[in-house]
Amino acid sequence: MAGKEDGTEYIVVNEHTLGYSIDRNPSMPFTVSVLAGNPFRGGANPKNGSITVLHLDQTRQATLNDLVKAFRVDPSGRLT
């Protein structure tokens, strides 16, 4: 799922954390601002702020299903 035109990309990290990154470089470590996490699967807590994603972490672009069903995040204003 592409983000907005400002370069925002919504990402699922290790299948347990949903967040967004702005203008990331996939070949370098980057920061993801956490929107939601599944604590039962080791997900990050959004109250703790951002996480650093390293090359060992698995990432993929978030889908509408991730936002609505898996992480229960309101997609309004987040999708283009």
PDB file of N, CA and C in Angstrom:
ATOM      1  N   MET A   1       0.850  -1.156   0.000  1.00  0.00           N
ATOM      2  CA  MET A   1       0.000   0.000   0.000  1.00  0.00           C
ATOM      3  C   MET A   1       0.898   1.222   0.000  1.00  0.00           C
ATOM      4  N   ALA A   2       0.708   2.040  -0.943  1.00  0.00           N
ATOM      5  CA  ALA A   2       1.476   3.270  -0.995  1.00  0.00           C
ATOM      6  C   ALA A   2       0.922   4.247   0.013  1.00  0.00           C
ATOM      7  N   GLY A   3       1.789   5.100   0.491  1.00  0.00           N
ATOM      8  CA  GLY A   3       1.354   6.124   1.422  1.00  0.00           C
ATOM      9  C   GLY A   3       0.932   7.367   0.669  1.00  0.00           C
ATOM     10  N   LYS A   4       1.022   8.465   1.342  1.00  0.00           N
ATOM     11  CA  LYS A   4       0.656   9.730   0.720  1.00  0.00           C
ATOM     12  C   LYS A   4       1.777  10.205  -0.187  1.00  0.00           C
ATOM     13  N   GLU A   5       1.529  11.277  -0.901  1.00  0.00           N
ATOM     14  CA  GLU A   5       2.519  11.807  -1.837  1.00  0.00           C
ATOM     15  C   GLU A   5       3.740  12.381  -1.143  1.00  0.00           C
ATOM     16  N   ASP A   6       3.702  12.566   0.170  1.00  0.00           N
ATOM     17  CA  ASP A   6       4.841  13.114   0.890  1.00  0.00           C
ATOM     18  C   ASP A   6       5.917  12.074   1.175  1.00  0.00           C
ATOM     19  N   GLY A   7       5.758  10.860   0.688  1.00  0.00           N
ATOM     20  CA  GLY A   7       6.755   9.819   0.872  1.00  0.00           C
ATOM     21  C   GLY A   7       6.478   8.907   2.048  1.00  0.00           C
ATOM     22  N   THR A   8       5.336   9.053   2.693  1.00  0.00           N
ATOM     23  CA  THR A   8       4.981   8.195   3.824  1.00  0.00           C
ATOM     24  C   THR A   8       4.668   6.793   3.321  1.00  0.00           C
ATOM     25  N   GLU A   9       5.243   5.802   3.995  1.00  0.00           N
ATOM     26  CA  GLU A   9       5.003   4.406   3.632  1.00  0.00           C
ATOM     27  C   GLU A   9       4.562   3.657   4.888  1.00  0.00           C
ATOM     28  N   TYR A  10       3.455   2.933   4.815  1.00  0.00           N
ATOM     29  CA  TYR A  10       2.953   2.153   5.937  1.00  0.00           C
ATOM     30  C   TYR A  10       3.543   0.759   5.852  1.00  0.00           C
ATOM     31  N   ILE A  11       4.119   0.297   6.964  1.00  0.00           N
ATOM     32  CA  ILE A  11       4.946  -0.901   6.974  1.00  0.00           C
ATOM     33  C   ILE A  11       4.526  -1.822   8.111  1.00  0.00           C
ATOM     34  N   VAL A  12       4.561  -3.132   7.854  1.00  0.00           N
ATOM     35  CA  VAL A  12       4.411  -4.145   8.897  1.00  0.00           C
ATOM     36  C   VAL A  12       5.806  -4.705   9.159  1.00  0.00           C
ATOM     37  N   VAL A  13       6.220  -4.671  10.426  1.00  0.00           N
ATOM     38  CA  VAL A  13       7.553  -5.142  10.822  1.00  0.00           C
ATOM     39  C   VAL A  13       7.402  -6.461  11.568  1.00  0.00           C
ATOM     40  N   ASN A  14       8.068  -7.472  11.082  1.00  0.00           N
ATOM     41  CA  ASN A  14       8.091  -8.803  11.705  1.00  0.00           C
ATOM     42  C   ASN A  14       6.698  -9.352  12.014  1.00  0.00           C
ATOM     43  N   GLU A  15       5.719  -8.959  11.225  1.00  0.00           N
ATOM     44  CA  GLU A  15       4.336  -9.433  11.341  1.00  0.00           C
ATOM     45  C   GLU A  15       3.697  -9.116  12.686  1.00  0.00           C
ATOM     46  N   HIS A  16       4.279  -8.212  13.479  1.00  0.00           N
ATOM     47  CA  HIS A  16       3.663  -7.884  14.757  1.00  0.00           C
ATOM     48  C   HIS A  16       3.572  -6.391  15.060  1.00  0.00           C
ATOM     49  N   THR A  17       4.142  -5.543  14.215  1.00  0.00           N
ATOM     50  CA  THR A  17       4.114  -4.105  14.462  1.00  0.00           C
ATOM     51  C   THR A  17       3.748  -3.370  13.181  1.00  0.00           C
ATOM     52  N   LEU A  18       2.794  -2.441  13.294  1.00  0.00           N
ATOM     53  CA  LEU A  18       2.385  -1.596  12.178  1.00  0.00           C
ATOM     54  C   LEU A  18       2.900  -0.193  12.440  1.00  0.00           C
ATOM     55  N   GLY A  19       3.525   0.376  11.433  1.00  0.00           N
ATOM     56  CA  GLY A  19       4.031   1.734  11.581  1.00  0.00           C
ATOM     57  C   GLY A  19       4.175   2.411  10.244  1.00  0.00           C
ATOM     58  N   TYR A  20       4.777   3.602  10.276  1.00  0.00           N
ATOM     59  CA  TYR A  20       5.015   4.320   9.034  1.00  0.00           C
ATOM     60  C   TYR A  20       6.409   4.911   9.040  1.00  0.00           C
ATOM     61  N   SER A  21       6.931   5.060   7.853  1.00  0.00           N
ATOM     62  CA  SER A  21       8.252   5.643   7.661  1.00  0.00           C
ATOM     63  C   SER A  21       8.152   6.659   6.538  1.00  0.00           C
ATOM     64  N   ILE A  22       8.960   7.695   6.627  1.00  0.00           N
ATOM     65  CA  ILE A  22       8.962   8.744   5.609  1.00  0.00           C
ATOM     66  C   ILE A  22      10.296   8.712   4.889  1.00  0.00           C
ATOM     67  N   ASP A  23      10.239   8.540   3.578  1.00  0.00           N
ATOM     68  CA  ASP A  23      11.431   8.537   2.724  1.00  0.00           C
ATOM     69  C   ASP A  23      12.520   7.603   3.233  1.00  0.00           C
ATOM     70  N   ARG A  24      12.181   6.332   3.381  1.00  0.00           N
ATOM     71  CA  ARG A  24      13.158   5.363   3.886  1.00  0.00           C
ATOM     72  C   ARG A  24      14.050   4.829   2.779  1.00  0.00           C
ATOM     73  N   ASN A  25      15.190   4.324   3.176  1.00  0.00           N
ATOM     74  CA  ASN A  25      16.115   3.644   2.286  1.00  0.00           C
ATOM     75  C   ASN A  25      16.177   2.198   2.759  1.00  0.00           C
ATOM     76  N   PRO A  26      15.579   1.254   2.019  1.00  0.00           N
ATOM     77  CA  PRO A  26      15.494  -0.140   2.483  1.00  0.00           C
ATOM     78  C   PRO A  26      16.845  -0.815   2.723  1.00  0.00           C
ATOM     79  N   SER A  27      17.912  -0.304   2.137  1.00  0.00           N
ATOM     80  CA  SER A  27      19.215  -0.937   2.314  1.00  0.00           C
ATOM     81  C   SER A  27      19.929  -0.460   3.582  1.00  0.00           C
ATOM     82  N   MET A  28      19.360   0.515   4.278  1.00  0.00           N
ATOM     83  CA  MET A  28      19.964   1.066   5.489  1.00  0.00           C
ATOM     84  C   MET A  28      19.001   0.875   6.662  1.00  0.00           C
ATOM     85  N   PRO A  29      19.512   0.844   7.903  1.00  0.00           N
ATOM     86  CA  PRO A  29      18.591   0.867   9.046  1.00  0.00           C
ATOM     87  C   PRO A  29      17.754   2.141   8.989  1.00  0.00           C
ATOM     88  N   PHE A  30      16.493   2.037   9.371  1.00  0.00           N
ATOM     89  CA  PHE A  30      15.625   3.203   9.323  1.00  0.00           C
ATOM     90  C   PHE A  30      14.679   3.173  10.512  1.00  0.00           C
ATOM     91  N   THR A  31      14.037   4.305  10.750  1.00  0.00           N
ATOM     92  CA  THR A  31      13.130   4.453  11.881  1.00  0.00           C
ATOM     93  C   THR A  31      11.693   4.324  11.424  1.00  0.00           C
ATOM     94  N   VAL A  32      10.896   3.601  12.201  1.00  0.00           N
ATOM     95  CA  VAL A  32       9.468   3.451  11.940  1.00  0.00           C
ATOM     96  C   VAL A  32       8.721   4.009  13.148  1.00  0.00           C
ATOM     97  N   SER A  33       7.800   4.922  12.895  1.00  0.00           N
ATOM     98  CA  SER A  33       6.918   5.424  13.946  1.00  0.00           C
ATOM     99  C   SER A  33       5.794   4.412  14.121  1.00  0.00           C
ATOM    100  N   VAL A  34       5.631   3.915  15.323  1.00  0.00           N
ATOM    101  CA  VAL A  34       4.701   2.816  15.599  1.00  0.00           C
ATOM    102  C   VAL A  34       3.268   3.333  15.712  1.00  0.00           C
ATOM    103  N   LEU A  35       2.372   2.708  14.963  1.00  0.00           N
ATOM    104  CA  LEU A  35       0.935   2.988  15.062  1.00  0.00           C
ATOM    105  C   LEU A  35       0.237   1.973  15.952  1.00  0.00           C
ATOM    106  N   ALA A  36       0.645   0.704  15.858  1.00  0.00           N
ATOM    107  CA  ALA A  36       0.036  -0.362  16.653  1.00  0.00           C
ATOM    108  C   ALA A  36       0.976  -1.559  16.685  1.00  0.00           C
ATOM    109  N   GLY A  37       0.868  -2.333  17.734  1.00  0.00           N
ATOM    110  CA  GLY A  37       1.674  -3.540  17.854  1.00  0.00           C
ATOM    111  C   GLY A  37       0.902  -4.620  18.579  1.00  0.00           C
ATOM    112  N   ASN A  38       1.195  -5.859  18.283  1.00  0.00           N
ATOM    113  CA  ASN A  38       0.556  -6.993  18.940  1.00  0.00           C
ATOM    114  C   ASN A  38       1.488  -7.468  20.050  1.00  0.00           C
ATOM    115  N   PRO A  39       1.176  -7.163  21.321  1.00  0.00           N
ATOM    116  CA  PRO A  39       2.073  -7.525  22.414  1.00  0.00           C
ATOM    117  C   PRO A  39       2.221  -9.031  22.616  1.00  0.00           C
ATOM    118  N   PHE A  40       1.237  -9.799  22.187  1.00  0.00           N
ATOM    119  CA  PHE A  40       1.320 -11.247  22.329  1.00  0.00           C
ATOM    120  C   PHE A  40       2.314 -11.869  21.351  1.00  0.00           C
ATOM    121  N   ARG A  41       2.688 -11.110  20.319  1.00  0.00           N
ATOM    122  CA  ARG A  41       3.630 -11.614  19.321  1.00  0.00           C
ATOM    123  C   ARG A  41       4.943 -10.838  19.357  1.00  0.00           C
ATOM    124  N   GLY A  42       5.138 -10.001  20.384  1.00  0.00           N
ATOM    125  CA  GLY A  42       6.385  -9.251  20.520  1.00  0.00           C
ATOM    126  C   GLY A  42       6.352  -7.882  19.880  1.00  0.00           C
ATOM    127  N   GLY A  43       5.172  -7.381  19.562  1.00  0.00           N
ATOM    128  CA  GLY A  43       5.039  -6.093  18.899  1.00  0.00           C
ATOM    129  C   GLY A  43       5.410  -4.922  19.777  1.00  0.00           C
ATOM    130  N   ALA A  44       5.788  -3.834  19.137  1.00  0.00           N
ATOM    131  CA  ALA A  44       6.179  -2.612  19.832  1.00  0.00           C
ATOM    132  C   ALA A  44       4.944  -1.870  20.338  1.00  0.00           C
ATOM    133  N   ASN A  45       5.117  -1.148  21.436  1.00  0.00           N
ATOM    134  CA  ASN A  45       4.049  -0.349  22.015  1.00  0.00           C
ATOM    135  C   ASN A  45       4.105   1.054  21.420  1.00  0.00           C
ATOM    136  N   PRO A  46       3.007   1.549  20.843  1.00  0.00           N
ATOM    137  CA  PRO A  46       3.039   2.886  20.239  1.00  0.00           C
ATOM    138  C   PRO A  46       3.327   3.989  21.256  1.00  0.00           C
ATOM    139  N   LYS A  47       3.085   3.756  22.531  1.00  0.00           N
ATOM    140  CA  LYS A  47       3.369   4.756  23.561  1.00  0.00           C
ATOM    141  C   LYS A  47       4.875   4.965  23.754  1.00  0.00           C
ATOM    142  N   ASN A  48       5.675   4.000  23.308  1.00  0.00           N
ATOM    143  CA  ASN A  48       7.120   4.109  23.448  1.00  0.00           C
ATOM    144  C   ASN A  48       7.771   4.825  22.264  1.00  0.00           C
ATOM    145  N   GLY A  49       6.993   5.236  21.286  1.00  0.00           N
ATOM    146  CA  GLY A  49       7.536   5.996  20.161  1.00  0.00           C
ATOM    147  C   GLY A  49       8.003   5.134  19.018  1.00  0.00           C
ATOM    148  N   SER A  50       9.109   5.506  18.435  1.00  0.00           N
ATOM    149  CA  SER A  50       9.628   4.866  17.218  1.00  0.00           C
ATOM    150  C   SER A  50      10.509   3.671  17.537  1.00  0.00           C
ATOM    151  N   ILE A  51      10.676   2.819  16.515  1.00  0.00           N
ATOM    152  CA  ILE A  51      11.614   1.702  16.600  1.00  0.00           C
ATOM    153  C   ILE A  51      12.586   1.797  15.433  1.00  0.00           C
ATOM    154  N   THR A  52      13.749   1.212  15.607  1.00  0.00           N
ATOM    155  CA  THR A  52      14.735   1.152  14.532  1.00  0.00           C
ATOM    156  C   THR A  52      14.634  -0.214  13.871  1.00  0.00           C
ATOM    157  N   VAL A  53      14.500  -0.215  12.557  1.00  0.00           N
ATOM    158  CA  VAL A  53      14.396  -1.454  11.789  1.00  0.00           C
ATOM    159  C   VAL A  53      15.759  -1.746  11.179  1.00  0.00           C
ATOM    160  N   LEU A  54      16.275  -2.913  11.485  1.00  0.00           N
ATOM    161  CA  LEU A  54      17.577  -3.335  10.982  1.00  0.00           C
ATOM    162  C   LEU A  54      17.411  -4.293   9.813  1.00  0.00           C
ATOM    163  N   HIS A  55      18.515  -4.650   9.183  1.00  0.00           N
ATOM    164  CA  HIS A  55      18.452  -5.534   8.019  1.00  0.00           C
ATOM    165  C   HIS A  55      17.967  -6.936   8.377  1.00  0.00           C
ATOM    166  N   LEU A  56      18.033  -7.334   9.643  1.00  0.00           N
ATOM    167  CA  LEU A  56      17.559  -8.648  10.058  1.00  0.00           C
ATOM    168  C   LEU A  56      16.041  -8.703  10.217  1.00  0.00           C
ATOM    169  N   ASP A  57      15.400  -7.552  10.361  1.00  0.00           N
ATOM    170  CA  ASP A  57      13.951  -7.495  10.518  1.00  0.00           C
ATOM    171  C   ASP A  57      13.262  -7.719   9.180  1.00  0.00           C
ATOM    172  N   GLN A  58      12.127  -8.404   9.230  1.00  0.00           N
ATOM    173  CA  GLN A  58      11.326  -8.613   8.028  1.00  0.00           C
ATOM    174  C   GLN A  58      10.309  -7.488   7.929  1.00  0.00           C
ATOM    175  N   THR A  59      10.250  -6.847   6.774  1.00  0.00           N
ATOM    176  CA  THR A  59       9.284  -5.770   6.565  1.00  0.00           C
ATOM    177  C   THR A  59       8.520  -6.016   5.277  1.00  0.00           C
ATOM    178  N   ARG A  60       7.322  -5.472   5.257  1.00  0.00           N
ATOM    179  CA  ARG A  60       6.524  -5.490   4.031  1.00  0.00           C
ATOM    180  C   ARG A  60       5.582  -4.294   4.083  1.00  0.00           C
ATOM    181  N   GLN A  61       5.068  -3.921   2.921  1.00  0.00           N
ATOM    182  CA  GLN A  61       4.110  -2.829   2.881  1.00  0.00           C
ATOM    183  C   GLN A  61       2.802  -3.287   3.511  1.00  0.00           C
ATOM    184  N   ALA A  62       2.197  -2.402   4.285  1.00  0.00           N
ATOM    185  CA  ALA A  62       0.924  -2.716   4.927  1.00  0.00           C
ATOM    186  C   ALA A  62      -0.205  -2.688   3.903  1.00  0.00           C
ATOM    187  N   THR A  63      -1.203  -3.501   4.137  1.00  0.00           N
ATOM    188  CA  THR A  63      -2.388  -3.529   3.292  1.00  0.00           C
ATOM    189  C   THR A  63      -3.557  -2.914   4.061  1.00  0.00           C
ATOM    190  N   LEU A  64      -4.638  -2.658   3.378  1.00  0.00           N
ATOM    191  CA  LEU A  64      -5.836  -2.150   4.028  1.00  0.00           C
ATOM    192  C   LEU A  64      -6.313  -3.143   5.085  1.00  0.00           C
ATOM    193  N   ASN A  65      -6.207  -4.427   4.788  1.00  0.00           N
ATOM    194  CA  ASN A  65      -6.588  -5.465   5.740  1.00  0.00           C
ATOM    195  C   ASN A  65      -5.753  -5.381   7.021  1.00  0.00           C
ATOM    196  N   ASP A  66      -4.464  -5.080   6.894  1.00  0.00           N
ATOM    197  CA  ASP A  66      -3.612  -4.917   8.071  1.00  0.00           C
ATOM    198  C   ASP A  66      -4.119  -3.784   8.952  1.00  0.00           C
ATOM    199  N   LEU A  67      -4.410  -2.645   8.345  1.00  0.00           N
ATOM    200  CA  LEU A  67      -4.864  -1.502   9.113  1.00  0.00           C
ATOM    201  C   LEU A  67      -6.175  -1.785   9.816  1.00  0.00           C
ATOM    202  N   VAL A  68      -7.150  -2.298   9.078  1.00  0.00           N
ATOM    203  CA  VAL A  68      -8.505  -2.441   9.605  1.00  0.00           C
ATOM    204  C   VAL A  68      -8.666  -3.671  10.503  1.00  0.00           C
ATOM    205  N   LYS A  69      -8.220  -4.821  10.051  1.00  0.00           N
ATOM    206  CA  LYS A  69      -8.502  -6.058  10.785  1.00  0.00           C
ATOM    207  C   LYS A  69      -7.390  -6.467  11.739  1.00  0.00           C
ATOM    208  N   ALA A  70      -6.169  -6.501  11.265  1.00  0.00           N
ATOM    209  CA  ALA A  70      -5.082  -7.026  12.094  1.00  0.00           C
ATOM    210  C   ALA A  70      -4.692  -6.070  13.217  1.00  0.00           C
ATOM    211  N   PHE A  71      -4.612  -4.772  12.916  1.00  0.00           N
ATOM    212  CA  PHE A  71      -4.131  -3.821  13.914  1.00  0.00           C
ATOM    213  C   PHE A  71      -5.190  -2.824  14.383  1.00  0.00           C
ATOM    214  N   ARG A  72      -6.385  -2.867  13.781  1.00  0.00           N
ATOM    215  CA  ARG A  72      -7.513  -2.016  14.179  1.00  0.00           C
ATOM    216  C   ARG A  72      -7.147  -0.531  14.201  1.00  0.00           C
ATOM    217  N   VAL A  73      -6.546  -0.081  13.108  1.00  0.00           N
ATOM    218  CA  VAL A  73      -6.193   1.317  12.932  1.00  0.00           C
ATOM    219  C   VAL A  73      -7.133   1.916  11.890  1.00  0.00           C
ATOM    220  N   ASP A  74      -7.687   3.082  12.186  1.00  0.00           N
ATOM    221  CA  ASP A  74      -8.590   3.750  11.251  1.00  0.00           C
ATOM    222  C   ASP A  74      -7.805   4.234  10.032  1.00  0.00           C
ATOM    223  N   PRO A  75      -8.156   3.750   8.830  1.00  0.00           N
ATOM    224  CA  PRO A  75      -7.403   4.121   7.638  1.00  0.00           C
ATOM    225  C   PRO A  75      -7.743   5.505   7.085  1.00  0.00           C
ATOM    226  N   SER A  76      -8.698   6.200   7.682  1.00  0.00           N
ATOM    227  CA  SER A  76      -9.099   7.516   7.172  1.00  0.00           C
ATOM    228  C   SER A  76      -7.914   8.472   7.136  1.00  0.00           C
ATOM    229  N   GLY A  77      -7.691   9.055   5.984  1.00  0.00           N
ATOM    230  CA  GLY A  77      -6.613  10.007   5.825  1.00  0.00           C
ATOM    231  C   GLY A  77      -5.238   9.386   5.706  1.00  0.00           C
ATOM    232  N   ARG A  78      -5.129   8.072   5.743  1.00  0.00           N
ATOM    233  CA  ARG A  78      -3.841   7.403   5.664  1.00  0.00           C
ATOM    234  C   ARG A  78      -3.572   6.809   4.286  1.00  0.00           C
ATOM    235  N   LEU A  79      -4.612   6.638   3.496  1.00  0.00           N
ATOM    236  CA  LEU A  79      -4.460   5.976   2.214  1.00  0.00           C
ATOM    237  C   LEU A  79      -4.607   6.952   1.074  1.00  0.00           C
ATOM    238  N   THR A  80      -3.923   6.654  -0.028  1.00  0.00           N
ATOM    239  CA  THR A  80      -4.076   7.487  -1.225  1.00  0.00           C
ATOM    240  C   THR A  80      -4.846   6.744  -2.281  1.00  0.00           C
TER     241      THR A  80
END
